[in-house]
N, C-alpha and C. Protein backbone atom coordinates (compact mmCIF):
# COMPACT_ATOMS: atom_id res chain seq x y z
N MET A 1 -17.86 -13.67 -2.98
CA MET A 1 -18.89 -13.11 -2.14
C MET A 1 -18.25 -12.54 -0.87
N ARG A 2 -18.72 -11.38 -0.45
CA ARG A 2 -18.16 -10.68 0.70
C ARG A 2 -18.88 -11.10 1.97
N THR A 3 -18.11 -11.41 3.01
CA THR A 3 -18.74 -11.82 4.28
C THR A 3 -18.54 -10.72 5.32
N GLU A 4 -19.53 -10.52 6.11
CA GLU A 4 -19.47 -9.53 7.19
C GLU A 4 -18.80 -10.16 8.41
N PRO A 5 -18.00 -9.41 9.15
CA PRO A 5 -17.39 -9.97 10.36
C PRO A 5 -18.46 -10.23 11.41
N SER A 6 -18.30 -11.32 12.11
CA SER A 6 -19.28 -11.64 13.16
C SER A 6 -18.96 -10.86 14.42
N LEU A 7 -19.95 -10.68 15.25
CA LEU A 7 -19.75 -9.96 16.50
C LEU A 7 -18.83 -10.71 17.45
N ALA A 8 -18.80 -12.02 17.35
CA ALA A 8 -17.94 -12.82 18.22
C ALA A 8 -16.47 -12.57 17.91
N ASP A 9 -16.14 -12.20 16.70
CA ASP A 9 -14.75 -11.95 16.32
C ASP A 9 -14.32 -10.51 16.56
N ASP A 10 -15.21 -9.65 17.02
CA ASP A 10 -14.90 -8.24 17.22
C ASP A 10 -14.00 -8.09 18.46
N PRO A 11 -12.78 -7.56 18.30
CA PRO A 11 -11.87 -7.42 19.45
C PRO A 11 -12.32 -6.35 20.44
N GLU A 12 -13.19 -5.44 20.03
CA GLU A 12 -13.66 -4.39 20.92
C GLU A 12 -14.93 -4.76 21.67
N ARG A 13 -15.43 -5.93 21.43
CA ARG A 13 -16.65 -6.39 22.10
C ARG A 13 -16.33 -6.72 23.56
N LEU A 14 -17.16 -6.24 24.47
CA LEU A 14 -16.93 -6.46 25.90
C LEU A 14 -17.52 -7.79 26.35
N THR A 15 -16.85 -8.40 27.30
CA THR A 15 -17.43 -9.57 27.92
C THR A 15 -18.49 -9.11 28.91
N LEU A 16 -19.30 -10.02 29.41
CA LEU A 16 -20.32 -9.64 30.38
C LEU A 16 -19.68 -9.08 31.65
N ARG A 17 -18.57 -9.65 32.06
CA ARG A 17 -17.88 -9.16 33.25
C ARG A 17 -17.36 -7.74 33.04
N GLN A 18 -16.80 -7.48 31.85
CA GLN A 18 -16.30 -6.13 31.55
C GLN A 18 -17.45 -5.13 31.47
N ALA A 19 -18.55 -5.54 30.89
CA ALA A 19 -19.71 -4.65 30.79
C ALA A 19 -20.27 -4.34 32.17
N ASP A 20 -20.30 -5.34 33.04
CA ASP A 20 -20.79 -5.13 34.40
C ASP A 20 -19.87 -4.19 35.16
N GLN A 21 -18.56 -4.37 35.00
CA GLN A 21 -17.60 -3.47 35.65
C GLN A 21 -17.74 -2.05 35.12
N ALA A 22 -17.93 -1.90 33.82
CA ALA A 22 -18.10 -0.58 33.23
C ALA A 22 -19.37 0.07 33.77
N ARG A 23 -20.44 -0.70 33.93
CA ARG A 23 -21.69 -0.17 34.48
C ARG A 23 -21.47 0.33 35.90
N ASP A 24 -20.73 -0.44 36.71
CA ASP A 24 -20.43 -0.02 38.07
C ASP A 24 -19.58 1.24 38.09
N ASP A 25 -18.62 1.31 37.18
CA ASP A 25 -17.76 2.50 37.11
C ASP A 25 -18.57 3.74 36.72
N PHE A 26 -19.47 3.58 35.74
CA PHE A 26 -20.30 4.72 35.33
C PHE A 26 -21.22 5.16 36.46
N ALA A 27 -21.74 4.22 37.24
CA ALA A 27 -22.61 4.57 38.37
C ALA A 27 -21.81 5.33 39.42
N ALA A 28 -20.57 4.93 39.67
CA ALA A 28 -19.73 5.63 40.64
C ALA A 28 -19.42 7.04 40.17
N ILE A 29 -19.13 7.18 38.89
CA ILE A 29 -18.84 8.51 38.33
C ILE A 29 -20.07 9.40 38.43
N GLU A 30 -21.24 8.84 38.12
CA GLU A 30 -22.47 9.62 38.20
C GLU A 30 -22.73 10.07 39.64
N SER A 31 -22.48 9.19 40.59
CA SER A 31 -22.66 9.54 42.00
C SER A 31 -21.72 10.66 42.40
N ASP A 32 -20.47 10.57 41.97
CA ASP A 32 -19.50 11.63 42.27
C ASP A 32 -19.92 12.96 41.65
N LEU A 33 -20.43 12.91 40.42
CA LEU A 33 -20.88 14.14 39.76
C LEU A 33 -22.07 14.76 40.49
N GLN A 34 -22.97 13.92 41.01
CA GLN A 34 -24.11 14.45 41.77
C GLN A 34 -23.62 15.18 43.01
N ILE A 35 -22.62 14.62 43.69
CA ILE A 35 -22.06 15.27 44.88
C ILE A 35 -21.43 16.60 44.51
N ILE A 36 -20.65 16.62 43.44
CA ILE A 36 -19.99 17.86 43.01
C ILE A 36 -21.02 18.91 42.60
N MET A 37 -22.08 18.50 41.91
CA MET A 37 -23.12 19.45 41.51
C MET A 37 -23.81 20.03 42.74
N GLY A 38 -24.03 19.22 43.77
CA GLY A 38 -24.62 19.72 45.00
C GLY A 38 -23.72 20.72 45.69
N GLN A 39 -22.41 20.46 45.68
CA GLN A 39 -21.48 21.40 46.30
C GLN A 39 -21.42 22.71 45.52
N LEU A 40 -21.45 22.63 44.20
CA LEU A 40 -21.43 23.84 43.38
C LEU A 40 -22.70 24.67 43.58
N ALA A 41 -23.81 24.01 43.80
CA ALA A 41 -25.07 24.73 44.00
C ALA A 41 -25.05 25.54 45.29
N ARG A 42 -24.24 25.11 46.25
CA ARG A 42 -24.18 25.83 47.52
C ARG A 42 -23.21 27.00 47.51
N LEU A 43 -22.39 27.13 46.47
CA LEU A 43 -21.45 28.24 46.40
C LEU A 43 -22.20 29.56 46.21
N PRO A 44 -21.71 30.62 46.81
CA PRO A 44 -22.38 31.91 46.62
C PRO A 44 -22.26 32.39 45.18
N ASP A 45 -23.31 33.02 44.70
CA ASP A 45 -23.28 33.53 43.33
C ASP A 45 -22.71 34.95 43.31
N ARG A 46 -22.58 35.51 42.15
CA ARG A 46 -21.96 36.82 41.99
C ARG A 46 -22.77 37.93 42.67
N ASP A 47 -24.10 37.85 42.60
CA ASP A 47 -24.93 38.87 43.24
C ASP A 47 -24.73 38.88 44.74
N TYR A 48 -24.70 37.69 45.34
CA TYR A 48 -24.51 37.59 46.79
C TYR A 48 -23.13 38.15 47.18
N ALA A 49 -22.11 37.82 46.41
CA ALA A 49 -20.76 38.30 46.72
C ALA A 49 -20.69 39.82 46.61
N SER A 50 -21.34 40.41 45.62
CA SER A 50 -21.30 41.86 45.48
C SER A 50 -22.08 42.55 46.61
N ARG A 51 -23.22 41.95 47.02
CA ARG A 51 -23.96 42.52 48.15
C ARG A 51 -23.14 42.44 49.44
N LEU A 52 -22.45 41.33 49.62
CA LEU A 52 -21.63 41.16 50.80
C LEU A 52 -20.47 42.16 50.81
N ALA A 53 -19.86 42.41 49.67
CA ALA A 53 -18.77 43.39 49.57
C ALA A 53 -19.30 44.80 49.86
N GLY A 54 -20.45 45.13 49.32
CA GLY A 54 -21.03 46.45 49.58
C GLY A 54 -21.38 46.64 51.04
N LEU A 55 -21.95 45.61 51.65
CA LEU A 55 -22.30 45.67 53.07
C LEU A 55 -21.04 45.80 53.93
N SER A 56 -20.00 45.08 53.56
CA SER A 56 -18.74 45.16 54.30
C SER A 56 -18.15 46.56 54.20
N ALA A 57 -18.20 47.16 53.03
CA ALA A 57 -17.69 48.52 52.85
C ALA A 57 -18.51 49.51 53.66
N LEU A 58 -19.82 49.32 53.71
CA LEU A 58 -20.69 50.21 54.49
C LEU A 58 -20.38 50.09 55.98
N ILE A 59 -20.24 48.89 56.48
CA ILE A 59 -19.92 48.68 57.89
C ILE A 59 -18.56 49.28 58.22
N PHE A 60 -17.56 49.10 57.33
CA PHE A 60 -16.25 49.69 57.56
C PHE A 60 -16.33 51.21 57.60
N ALA A 61 -17.11 51.81 56.68
CA ALA A 61 -17.24 53.26 56.65
C ALA A 61 -17.90 53.77 57.91
N VAL A 62 -18.96 53.10 58.38
CA VAL A 62 -19.63 53.52 59.62
C VAL A 62 -18.68 53.39 60.81
N ALA A 63 -17.93 52.30 60.88
CA ALA A 63 -16.98 52.11 61.97
C ALA A 63 -15.89 53.17 61.93
N LEU A 64 -15.46 53.53 60.73
CA LEU A 64 -14.43 54.57 60.60
C LEU A 64 -14.97 55.92 61.05
N ILE A 65 -16.19 56.25 60.68
CA ILE A 65 -16.79 57.53 61.08
C ILE A 65 -17.00 57.56 62.58
N LEU A 66 -17.46 56.47 63.17
CA LEU A 66 -17.71 56.43 64.61
C LEU A 66 -16.42 56.48 65.42
N SER A 67 -15.30 56.08 64.84
CA SER A 67 -14.05 56.09 65.57
C SER A 67 -13.39 57.46 65.57
N LEU A 68 -13.89 58.39 64.79
CA LEU A 68 -13.30 59.76 64.75
C LEU A 68 -13.66 60.55 65.92
């Protein structure tokens, strides 16, 4: 007759202390990811960068014409 291995004999089974530490580690990683996502949301997007470049070129052209 074939017997199934018990969970107590499983070498990959975590102890309560290890599971608690893993939970704390995952919470810290999640917190760090939230901070990074917030920072990424504040970065300028491509449309804003292109408008800024166009405006800068226009201001430079006007300054160049006025300096003649």
